[in-house]
Amino acid sequence: MWHATVLTIFPDMFPGPLGQSLAGKALTTGVWRLEAHDIRTHATDRHRTVDDTPAGGGPGMVMKADVLARAIDAALTPNDERPRLLMSPRGTPLTQARVEALARGPGALFVCGRFEGIDERVIEARGLEEISVGDYVLSGGEIAAFSLIDACVRLLPGVMGKEASAAEESFAQGLLEYPHYTRPQVFEGRAIPDVLLGGDHARIKAFRQSEAERLTRERRPDLWARHGSPSMGSTDTHAIVLADADGIIRLFSPGAKRLFGHDAKAAIGQTLDLIVPPDYRERHWQGFRAAIANGSPKYEDAAANIPILCRDGTVTRFPGRLVFLRNAGGRAVGAMGIFLANDAYSGPPLPDL
């Protein structure tokens, strides 16, 4: 049985949302087990103190190493091999792959910090793995633990009604999930795409794959860069340049530094003139600004040999794609270029841009 043990100073928060819907039903039927332990019970003073002022000064309070260590030791059985996870904004970003690995295991111990953080020594002494659910700060680790536990539980055998649903969801294939539709066929003048109504399963599958790729390109260029494209080779050789609607470079990948020679840190904040050859700049900016204004770029994810101004002053053409990024309303908010070293490209001949 998959076993989740939560250490918190607010044990009454659990099971909370985990007691509802699929996770709640699975908890009731014994598919998985949840325990929430109060860290304060391991304090030794009459006030049940779990925090103290930070060494060296500074704002806030820090959770005490000795109290938390006793709580961890009491929660674990001898030879307990479950991962010991600390929900922390400085932790390793949580991914679907990590969730799947945890769901295949025996469960986990979830440590929910509070205050400014917890004493670094207990992290080291008890081998806690720090996990982050996003680049933002919560009041404590409990909400993050809810998210991670729910993500794991729904993958346990028998929890979801259809395993194919899990396989097709966002991130399972390295892409965002495709859009969904249901009756009525027309809603406020917006119709369900015809391809979904024709019964041709091959066309439906191709449409959904195309939509998943489009949404990932537009909304999550980081995922799209990792996902890559078979004709463009391995993602390890990709160079990624991302610019906002004003043409200011906001992302310059290590691959871009290797291919183009420009320092990545120095590139951030500069305009695309850094890599656009002088002879192409007027045409580039006309097309870029028109595409941002009307959302209809001349080149929409078309593969081509794209000229790049390298740091040494040479102009070299690289196989690449230009993708305009859009927000949920369809408005263009920036552009991304994905490039490949010439000797790494194995696809058909490409036109010059």
Protein backbone atom coordinates (compact mmCIF):
# COMPACT_ATOMS: atom_id res chain seq x y z
CA MET A 1 0.00 0.00 0.00
CA TRP A 2 1.30 3.45 -0.93
CA HIS A 3 1.95 5.27 2.35
CA ALA A 4 2.17 9.05 2.81
CA THR A 5 3.38 10.42 6.14
CA VAL A 6 3.13 14.19 6.62
CA LEU A 7 4.99 16.16 9.28
CA THR A 8 3.36 19.53 9.95
CA ILE A 9 2.47 21.91 12.76
CA PHE A 10 -1.11 21.91 11.38
CA PRO A 11 -2.12 18.22 11.22
CA ASP A 12 -5.83 19.12 11.15
CA MET A 13 -5.32 20.41 7.60
CA PHE A 14 -5.17 16.77 6.48
CA PRO A 15 -6.65 14.98 4.64
CA GLY A 16 -8.37 18.18 3.44
CA PRO A 17 -8.84 17.99 -0.33
CA LEU A 18 -7.14 14.59 -0.34
CA GLY A 19 -10.26 13.22 1.33
CA GLN A 20 -12.41 14.14 -1.69
CA SER A 21 -12.90 12.89 -5.24
CA LEU A 22 -10.61 10.16 -6.60
CA ALA A 23 -7.96 10.49 -3.89
CA GLY A 24 -10.59 10.43 -1.14
CA LYS A 25 -12.33 7.36 -2.52
CA ALA A 26 -8.99 5.56 -2.86
CA LEU A 27 -8.11 6.55 0.72
CA THR A 28 -11.42 5.18 2.00
CA THR A 29 -11.06 1.90 0.12
CA GLY A 30 -7.51 1.34 1.31
CA VAL A 31 -5.63 1.92 -1.94
CA TRP A 32 -3.30 4.25 -0.08
CA ARG A 33 -2.66 5.38 3.49
CA LEU A 34 -2.23 8.86 4.96
CA GLU A 35 -0.83 9.90 8.34
CA ALA A 36 -0.37 13.47 9.55
CA HIS A 37 1.85 14.01 12.60
CA ASP A 38 2.14 17.18 14.67
CA ILE A 39 5.75 18.34 14.86
CA ARG A 40 4.95 20.24 18.08
CA THR A 41 4.48 17.01 20.02
CA HIS A 42 8.25 16.56 19.85
CA ALA A 43 9.06 19.90 21.50
CA THR A 44 10.35 19.64 25.07
CA ASP A 45 9.16 22.89 26.64
CA ARG A 46 5.69 23.66 27.98
CA HIS A 47 5.04 26.10 25.12
CA ARG A 48 5.78 23.38 22.55
CA THR A 49 8.26 25.65 20.78
CA VAL A 50 9.37 24.51 17.32
CA ASP A 51 11.19 27.64 16.10
CA ASP A 52 13.85 30.11 17.17
CA THR A 53 15.61 33.24 15.88
CA PRO A 54 18.02 32.78 12.94
CA ALA A 55 21.73 32.49 13.71
CA GLY A 56 23.51 35.58 12.39
CA GLY A 57 20.35 37.68 12.62
CA GLY A 58 17.72 38.42 10.04
CA PRO A 59 13.94 38.43 9.75
CA GLY A 60 11.55 35.69 10.82
CA MET A 61 12.09 32.48 12.67
CA VAL A 62 13.71 29.13 11.80
CA MET A 63 12.34 25.67 12.59
CA LYS A 64 14.58 23.95 15.13
CA ALA A 65 16.74 21.03 14.01
CA ASP A 66 16.40 18.99 17.21
CA VAL A 67 12.59 19.14 17.33
CA LEU A 68 12.15 18.30 13.65
CA ALA A 69 14.73 15.50 13.83
CA ARG A 70 12.79 13.85 16.66
CA ALA A 71 9.59 14.16 14.64
CA ILE A 72 11.21 12.54 11.62
CA ASP A 73 12.71 9.71 13.65
CA ALA A 74 9.39 8.98 15.35
CA ALA A 75 7.49 8.90 12.04
CA LEU A 76 9.78 6.40 10.34
CA THR A 77 9.82 2.69 11.03
CA PRO A 78 13.09 0.72 11.12
CA ASN A 79 14.47 0.17 7.60
CA ASP A 80 11.90 2.59 6.17
CA GLU A 81 13.09 3.13 2.58
CA ARG A 82 10.57 5.77 1.59
CA PRO A 83 11.99 9.04 0.22
CA ARG A 84 12.16 11.88 2.72
CA LEU A 85 10.85 14.97 0.99
CA LEU A 86 11.02 18.57 2.19
CA MET A 87 8.61 20.89 0.39
CA SER A 88 10.77 23.94 -0.34
CA PRO A 89 10.80 26.78 -2.91
CA ARG A 90 14.57 26.26 -3.32
CA GLY A 91 14.16 22.56 -4.10
CA THR A 92 14.42 20.65 -7.35
CA PRO A 93 11.44 21.53 -9.59
CA LEU A 94 8.80 18.82 -9.51
CA THR A 95 8.23 17.04 -12.82
CA GLN A 96 5.78 14.44 -14.02
CA ALA A 97 8.65 11.97 -14.32
CA ARG A 98 9.49 12.43 -10.63
CA VAL A 99 5.81 12.03 -9.71
CA GLU A 100 5.63 8.78 -11.67
CA ALA A 101 8.75 7.47 -9.94
CA LEU A 102 7.31 8.29 -6.51
CA ALA A 103 3.98 6.68 -7.38
CA ARG A 104 5.77 3.45 -8.30
CA GLY A 105 7.47 3.37 -4.90
CA PRO A 106 6.21 2.60 -1.38
CA GLY A 107 5.21 6.20 -0.64
CA ALA A 108 7.09 9.08 0.99
CA LEU A 109 7.61 11.18 4.09
CA PHE A 110 6.56 14.79 3.49
CA VAL A 111 8.09 17.47 5.72
CA CYS A 112 6.12 20.72 5.67
CA GLY A 113 8.23 23.65 6.80
CA ARG A 114 6.99 26.97 8.12
CA PHE A 115 8.50 30.33 9.07
CA GLU A 116 11.63 31.42 7.17
CA GLY A 117 12.72 27.82 6.73
CA ILE A 118 14.21 24.95 8.69
CA ASP A 119 17.65 24.48 10.17
CA GLU A 120 20.03 23.35 7.42
CA ARG A 121 21.60 20.76 9.69
CA VAL A 122 18.48 18.61 9.90
CA ILE A 123 18.22 18.62 6.10
CA GLU A 124 21.72 17.18 5.93
CA ALA A 125 21.46 14.87 8.95
CA ARG A 126 18.19 13.23 7.89
CA GLY A 127 18.86 13.19 4.16
CA LEU A 128 15.89 15.32 3.14
CA GLU A 129 15.31 15.83 -0.58
CA GLU A 130 14.05 19.33 -1.27
CA ILE A 131 11.18 19.51 -3.80
CA SER A 132 9.66 22.68 -5.28
CA VAL A 133 6.22 22.87 -6.88
CA GLY A 134 6.94 26.24 -8.49
CA ASP A 135 8.87 29.47 -8.43
CA TYR A 136 6.76 31.14 -5.78
CA VAL A 137 6.56 31.17 -1.98
CA LEU A 138 3.73 29.67 0.08
CA SER A 139 2.99 30.20 3.77
CA GLY A 140 4.06 26.63 4.44
CA GLY A 141 4.72 23.29 2.84
CA GLU A 142 1.24 21.85 3.37
CA ILE A 143 -0.31 23.18 0.15
CA ALA A 144 2.70 21.92 -1.81
CA ALA A 145 2.36 18.52 -0.12
CA PHE A 146 -1.32 18.37 -1.13
CA SER A 147 -0.30 18.91 -4.75
CA LEU A 148 2.45 16.31 -4.76
CA ILE A 149 0.46 13.65 -2.91
CA ASP A 150 -2.55 14.13 -5.21
CA ALA A 151 -0.32 13.88 -8.28
CA CYS A 152 1.06 10.57 -7.01
CA VAL A 153 -2.18 9.02 -5.75
CA ARG A 154 -4.05 9.50 -9.00
CA LEU A 155 -1.43 7.32 -10.72
CA LEU A 156 -1.85 4.40 -8.33
CA PRO A 157 -3.46 1.29 -9.87
CA GLY A 158 -7.22 1.42 -9.66
CA VAL A 159 -7.53 5.12 -8.83
CA MET A 160 -8.21 6.48 -12.31
CA GLY A 161 -10.97 4.98 -14.39
CA LYS A 162 -9.01 4.88 -17.63
CA GLU A 163 -5.24 4.57 -17.80
CA ALA A 164 -5.21 6.12 -21.28
CA SER A 165 -6.39 9.34 -19.69
CA ALA A 166 -3.21 9.57 -17.67
CA ALA A 167 -1.05 8.75 -20.68
CA GLU A 168 -2.54 11.59 -22.74
CA GLU A 169 -2.52 14.33 -20.10
CA SER A 170 -0.25 17.35 -19.92
CA PHE A 171 3.45 16.51 -19.51
CA ALA A 172 2.98 12.72 -19.87
CA GLN A 173 4.48 12.87 -23.38
CA GLY A 174 6.54 15.99 -22.74
CA LEU A 175 3.78 18.21 -24.17
CA LEU A 176 0.84 20.16 -22.82
CA GLU A 177 -2.48 18.44 -23.25
CA TYR A 178 -4.61 19.11 -26.33
CA PRO A 179 -7.90 21.11 -26.00
CA HIS A 180 -11.10 19.28 -25.03
CA TYR A 181 -14.65 19.77 -26.31
CA THR A 182 -18.09 18.33 -25.55
CA ARG A 183 -21.76 19.12 -26.22
CA PRO A 184 -23.35 21.47 -27.15
CA GLN A 185 -21.85 21.35 -30.63
CA VAL A 186 -22.03 25.15 -30.90
CA PHE A 187 -21.48 27.42 -27.89
CA GLU A 188 -21.88 31.19 -28.29
CA GLY A 189 -20.99 30.91 -31.95
CA ARG A 190 -17.97 28.69 -31.37
CA ALA A 191 -18.23 25.24 -32.93
CA ILE A 192 -16.45 22.02 -32.07
CA PRO A 193 -13.73 21.47 -34.72
CA ASP A 194 -15.15 19.37 -37.57
CA VAL A 195 -12.30 16.88 -37.42
CA LEU A 196 -13.51 15.71 -33.99
CA LEU A 197 -16.99 14.93 -35.31
CA GLY A 198 -16.12 12.87 -38.38
CA GLY A 199 -15.23 9.59 -36.69
CA ASP A 200 -11.83 9.31 -38.40
CA HIS A 201 -9.67 8.26 -35.46
CA ALA A 202 -6.40 8.68 -37.33
CA ARG A 203 -7.25 12.28 -38.20
CA ILE A 204 -8.46 12.94 -34.65
CA LYS A 205 -5.19 11.62 -33.24
CA ALA A 206 -3.17 13.75 -35.65
CA PHE A 207 -5.25 16.84 -34.81
CA ARG A 208 -4.79 16.35 -31.09
CA GLN A 209 -1.05 15.82 -31.48
CA SER A 210 -0.80 18.98 -33.58
CA GLU A 211 -2.77 21.00 -31.03
CA ALA A 212 -0.66 19.69 -28.16
CA GLU A 213 2.49 20.73 -30.00
CA ARG A 214 1.03 24.16 -30.83
CA LEU A 215 0.02 24.88 -27.25
CA THR A 216 3.39 23.74 -25.93
CA ARG A 217 5.27 25.95 -28.40
CA GLU A 218 3.14 28.97 -27.55
CA ARG A 219 2.84 28.62 -23.78
CA ARG A 220 5.81 26.56 -22.62
CA PRO A 221 8.85 27.11 -24.82
CA ASP A 222 10.97 25.41 -22.17
CA LEU A 223 9.00 22.17 -22.57
CA TRP A 224 9.02 22.51 -26.36
CA ALA A 225 12.78 22.90 -26.38
CA ARG A 226 13.18 19.72 -24.33
CA HIS A 227 10.61 17.88 -26.42
CA GLY A 228 12.47 18.70 -29.62
CA SER A 229 11.62 17.53 -33.11
CA PRO A 230 12.80 14.30 -34.79
CA SER A 231 13.94 16.14 -37.91
CA MET A 232 15.88 18.65 -35.87
CA GLY A 233 17.94 16.12 -33.94
CA SER A 234 18.65 15.78 -30.23
CA THR A 235 17.58 18.49 -27.79
CA ASP A 236 21.14 18.40 -26.42
CA THR A 237 22.31 20.20 -29.56
CA HIS A 238 19.55 22.80 -29.66
CA ALA A 239 20.17 26.50 -29.36
CA ILE A 240 17.16 28.35 -27.97
CA VAL A 241 16.60 32.12 -28.11
CA LEU A 242 13.41 33.57 -26.65
CA ALA A 243 12.38 37.23 -27.07
CA ASP A 244 9.43 39.19 -25.72
CA ALA A 245 7.00 41.31 -27.74
CA ASP A 246 9.52 44.17 -27.87
CA GLY A 247 12.23 41.95 -29.32
CA ILE A 248 14.21 41.89 -26.07
CA ILE A 249 16.07 38.62 -25.44
CA ARG A 250 14.74 36.90 -22.33
CA LEU A 251 16.28 33.44 -22.72
CA PHE A 252 19.60 32.52 -24.31
CA SER A 253 20.33 28.85 -23.83
CA PRO A 254 23.76 27.29 -23.27
CA GLY A 255 23.39 25.80 -26.75
CA ALA A 256 22.98 29.29 -28.19
CA LYS A 257 26.22 30.33 -26.53
CA ARG A 258 27.99 27.29 -27.99
CA LEU A 259 26.68 27.86 -31.51
CA PHE A 260 26.74 31.65 -31.71
CA GLY A 261 29.56 32.54 -29.32
CA HIS A 262 27.67 35.28 -27.41
CA ASP A 263 27.79 35.19 -23.62
CA ALA A 264 24.39 34.05 -22.33
CA LYS A 265 24.26 36.43 -19.36
CA ALA A 266 25.28 39.39 -21.51
CA ALA A 267 22.68 38.50 -24.14
CA ILE A 268 19.73 38.70 -21.74
CA GLY A 269 18.18 42.16 -21.96
CA GLN A 270 19.62 43.03 -25.38
CA THR A 271 17.57 43.30 -28.54
CA LEU A 272 17.57 40.66 -31.25
CA ASP A 273 20.01 42.86 -33.17
CA LEU A 274 22.62 40.92 -31.21
CA ILE A 275 22.12 37.94 -33.54
CA VAL A 276 20.34 39.46 -36.56
CA PRO A 277 22.87 40.38 -39.29
CA PRO A 278 22.86 44.11 -40.20
CA ASP A 279 21.73 43.44 -43.78
CA TYR A 280 18.63 41.64 -42.47
CA ARG A 281 17.60 43.93 -39.63
CA GLU A 282 15.20 46.21 -41.46
CA ARG A 283 13.30 43.28 -42.93
CA HIS A 284 13.46 41.43 -39.63
CA TRP A 285 11.94 44.24 -37.58
CA GLN A 286 9.22 44.95 -40.11
CA GLY A 287 8.13 41.33 -40.05
CA PHE A 288 8.55 40.94 -36.30
CA ARG A 289 6.50 44.00 -35.39
CA ALA A 290 3.80 43.17 -37.91
CA ALA A 291 3.52 39.64 -36.54
CA ILE A 292 3.26 40.90 -32.95
CA ALA A 293 0.64 43.47 -33.96
CA ASN A 294 -1.65 41.27 -36.02
CA GLY A 295 -0.74 37.79 -34.80
CA SER A 296 -0.11 36.54 -38.34
CA PRO A 297 3.62 35.92 -38.86
CA LYS A 298 4.88 35.31 -42.37
CA TYR A 299 6.88 32.33 -41.13
CA GLU A 300 4.86 30.16 -38.74
CA ASP A 301 7.06 27.36 -37.38
CA ALA A 302 8.63 26.85 -40.81
CA ALA A 303 12.02 25.12 -40.87
CA ALA A 304 14.70 27.06 -42.76
CA ASN A 305 18.37 27.98 -42.84
CA ILE A 306 18.37 31.13 -40.71
CA PRO A 307 21.23 33.67 -40.84
CA ILE A 308 22.81 34.46 -37.46
CA LEU A 309 25.36 37.13 -36.56
CA CYS A 310 27.93 35.31 -34.43
CA ARG A 311 30.12 36.89 -31.78
CA ASP A 312 33.20 36.79 -34.03
CA GLY A 313 31.38 38.96 -36.59
CA THR A 314 30.69 36.20 -39.10
CA VAL A 315 27.24 35.47 -40.47
CA THR A 316 26.37 31.77 -40.47
CA ARG A 317 23.16 30.05 -41.48
CA PHE A 318 21.82 27.48 -39.03
CA PRO A 319 18.92 25.03 -39.50
CA GLY A 320 16.13 26.36 -37.34
CA ARG A 321 12.50 27.20 -36.69
CA LEU A 322 10.89 30.49 -35.73
CA VAL A 323 7.85 30.15 -33.47
CA PHE A 324 5.63 33.01 -32.32
CA LEU A 325 4.32 32.61 -28.79
CA ARG A 326 0.73 33.49 -27.91
CA ASN A 327 -1.18 33.94 -24.69
CA ALA A 328 -4.43 32.16 -23.90
CA GLY A 329 -6.32 34.82 -25.86
CA GLY A 330 -4.32 34.15 -29.01
CA ARG A 331 -2.32 37.39 -28.86
CA ALA A 332 1.33 37.18 -29.90
CA VAL A 333 3.52 37.93 -26.88
CA GLY A 334 6.95 36.99 -28.17
CA ALA A 335 8.95 34.70 -30.40
CA MET A 336 11.29 31.75 -30.03
CA GLY A 337 14.02 30.52 -32.34
CA ILE A 338 15.19 26.90 -32.16
CA PHE A 339 18.48 26.24 -33.97
CA LEU A 340 20.75 23.28 -34.62
CA ALA A 341 24.39 22.96 -35.52
CA ASN A 342 24.81 22.35 -39.23
CA ASP A 343 26.65 19.06 -38.72
CA ALA A 344 23.87 17.79 -36.42
CA TYR A 345 20.99 18.30 -38.88
CA SER A 346 19.87 15.13 -40.70
CA GLY A 347 16.62 16.21 -42.31
CA PRO A 348 15.79 17.18 -45.90
CA PRO A 349 17.37 20.28 -47.50
CA LEU A 350 15.97 23.50 -46.08
CA PRO A 351 15.30 26.81 -47.86
CA ASP A 352 17.24 29.91 -46.91
CA LEU A 353 15.27 32.40 -44.88
